[in-house]
């Protein structure tokens, strides 16, 4: 099933959207054949209003459980990041290059157990990083 996954600022988890409707809220989502999307009008609106909105997401096919079991070894340098105030696209963490597609993605939630603060972490593995193919 093709879905769009984005960080939900209010629930502090990943929202999974299918055909425009949110179908789940998850702490961990694995995707296959991923396109990293930033809608330009939404990015411009964030910059203009200084208020975040849903305009950036990972679009892909939901992966079966366990397909990215090896991610813990590879995820570190493959972080995908996006700051609407600094960038207009997703960026690869290890070299700062534009990230548009990847074979796989792991979207997970990092929890600071001292403060119970939850932060998003996204990792891209594959086509946008030819060294891992």
Protein backbone atom coordinates (compact mmCIF):
# COMPACT_ATOMS: atom_id res chain seq x y z
CA UNK A 1 0.00 0.00 0.00
CA UNK A 2 1.42 3.41 -1.02
CA UNK A 3 1.38 5.89 1.85
CA UNK A 4 2.68 9.27 2.88
CA UNK A 5 4.36 9.52 6.27
CA UNK A 6 5.01 12.77 8.14
CA UNK A 7 5.96 13.85 11.67
CA UNK A 8 2.90 14.87 13.67
CA UNK A 9 3.91 17.82 15.85
CA UNK A 10 0.94 17.45 18.19
CA UNK A 11 1.02 13.69 18.81
CA UNK A 12 4.84 13.44 18.66
CA UNK A 13 4.74 10.40 16.38
CA UNK A 14 4.60 9.54 12.68
CA UNK A 15 1.25 9.92 10.90
CA UNK A 16 0.60 7.46 8.08
CA UNK A 17 -1.70 8.82 5.39
CA UNK A 18 -3.33 6.79 2.59
CA UNK A 19 -5.36 8.51 -0.13
CA UNK A 20 -5.48 11.71 1.94
CA UNK A 21 -6.73 10.05 5.14
CA UNK A 22 -4.62 9.34 8.23
CA UNK A 23 -4.84 5.60 8.87
CA UNK A 24 -2.31 5.20 11.70
CA UNK A 25 0.01 6.89 14.18
CA UNK A 26 3.26 4.98 14.67
CA UNK A 27 6.58 5.25 16.46
CA UNK A 28 8.33 3.28 13.70
CA UNK A 29 7.54 3.05 9.99
CA UNK A 30 9.58 1.23 7.31
CA UNK A 31 9.05 2.13 3.65
CA UNK A 32 10.22 0.74 0.29
CA UNK A 33 10.71 2.72 -2.96
CA UNK A 34 10.65 6.08 -1.23
CA UNK A 35 10.21 9.55 -2.68
CA UNK A 36 11.08 12.43 -0.32
CA UNK A 37 8.57 15.21 -1.02
CA UNK A 38 8.57 18.89 -0.06
CA UNK A 39 5.68 20.90 -1.46
CA UNK A 40 7.03 24.35 -2.44
CA UNK A 41 3.86 26.28 -1.55
CA UNK A 42 3.82 24.74 1.93
CA UNK A 43 7.48 25.55 2.43
CA UNK A 44 6.87 29.16 1.40
CA UNK A 45 3.91 29.40 3.76
CA UNK A 46 5.99 28.16 6.71
CA UNK A 47 8.63 30.78 5.99
CA UNK A 48 6.06 33.52 5.54
CA UNK A 49 3.90 32.71 8.60
CA UNK A 50 6.68 31.30 10.83
CA UNK A 51 4.31 28.44 11.66
CA UNK A 52 4.73 24.82 10.59
CA UNK A 53 2.24 22.91 8.46
CA UNK A 54 2.19 19.49 6.77
CA UNK A 55 4.01 19.96 3.48
CA UNK A 56 6.94 17.52 3.70
CA UNK A 57 6.73 13.75 3.85
CA UNK A 58 8.15 10.43 2.70
CA UNK A 59 5.98 8.68 0.11
CA UNK A 60 6.48 4.94 -0.31
CA UNK A 61 5.16 1.42 0.11
CA UNK A 62 4.75 0.10 3.64
CA UNK A 63 7.35 -2.59 4.30
CA UNK A 64 6.72 -5.87 6.03
CA UNK A 65 7.92 -6.10 9.61
CA UNK A 66 11.61 -6.87 9.90
CA UNK A 67 12.62 -6.00 6.35
CA UNK A 68 15.03 -3.32 7.61
CA UNK A 69 16.41 -5.29 10.55
CA UNK A 70 19.94 -4.27 9.59
CA UNK A 71 19.18 -0.55 9.77
CA UNK A 72 20.84 -0.08 13.15
CA UNK A 73 24.24 -0.70 11.51
CA UNK A 74 23.63 1.56 8.53
CA UNK A 75 21.34 4.35 9.71
CA UNK A 76 23.85 6.63 11.40
CA UNK A 77 25.39 8.29 8.34
CA UNK A 78 22.21 7.98 6.26
CA UNK A 79 20.02 10.34 8.16
CA UNK A 80 17.46 12.31 6.16
CA UNK A 81 16.77 15.76 7.47
CA UNK A 82 14.58 18.72 6.62
CA UNK A 83 14.32 22.16 8.16
CA UNK A 84 11.73 24.34 6.40
CA UNK A 85 13.52 27.50 7.54
CA UNK A 86 16.84 26.42 6.02
CA UNK A 87 16.04 24.08 3.13
CA UNK A 88 13.53 23.56 0.33
CA UNK A 89 14.24 19.82 0.02
CA UNK A 90 15.18 16.88 2.23
CA UNK A 91 18.93 16.61 2.73
CA UNK A 92 21.25 13.64 3.21
CA UNK A 93 22.88 13.93 6.60
CA UNK A 94 26.33 12.63 5.71
CA UNK A 95 27.08 15.04 2.86
CA UNK A 96 24.31 17.67 2.81
CA UNK A 97 23.23 16.78 -0.74
CA UNK A 98 19.59 16.89 -1.88
CA UNK A 99 17.64 13.73 -1.13
CA UNK A 100 14.83 12.90 -3.56
CA UNK A 101 14.56 9.09 -3.61
CA UNK A 102 15.81 6.06 -1.74
CA UNK A 103 15.26 2.33 -1.91
CA UNK A 104 14.30 2.13 1.76
CA UNK A 105 13.47 4.46 4.61
CA UNK A 106 13.13 3.99 8.33
CA UNK A 107 11.15 6.65 10.20
CA UNK A 108 11.54 6.24 13.93
CA UNK A 109 11.01 8.15 17.16
CA UNK A 110 13.85 8.98 19.51
CA UNK A 111 12.80 9.49 23.13
CA UNK A 112 14.82 11.39 25.70
CA UNK A 113 13.94 9.42 28.83
CA UNK A 114 15.07 12.22 31.14
CA UNK A 115 12.55 14.71 29.72
CA UNK A 116 10.18 12.33 27.88
CA UNK A 117 10.69 14.51 24.80
CA UNK A 118 10.13 12.69 21.50
CA UNK A 119 11.99 13.63 18.32
CA UNK A 120 11.71 12.32 14.77
CA UNK A 121 14.54 10.45 13.07
CA UNK A 122 14.40 9.50 9.39
CA UNK A 123 16.97 7.36 7.59
CA UNK A 124 17.33 6.83 3.83
CA UNK A 125 19.04 3.73 2.50
CA UNK A 126 19.58 3.10 -1.18
CA UNK A 127 19.37 4.95 -4.48
CA UNK A 128 20.30 8.41 -3.24
CA UNK A 129 23.39 6.90 -1.61
CA UNK A 130 25.15 4.82 -4.29
CA UNK A 131 27.83 3.62 -1.84
CA UNK A 132 25.28 1.32 -0.18
CA UNK A 133 23.90 -0.37 -3.31
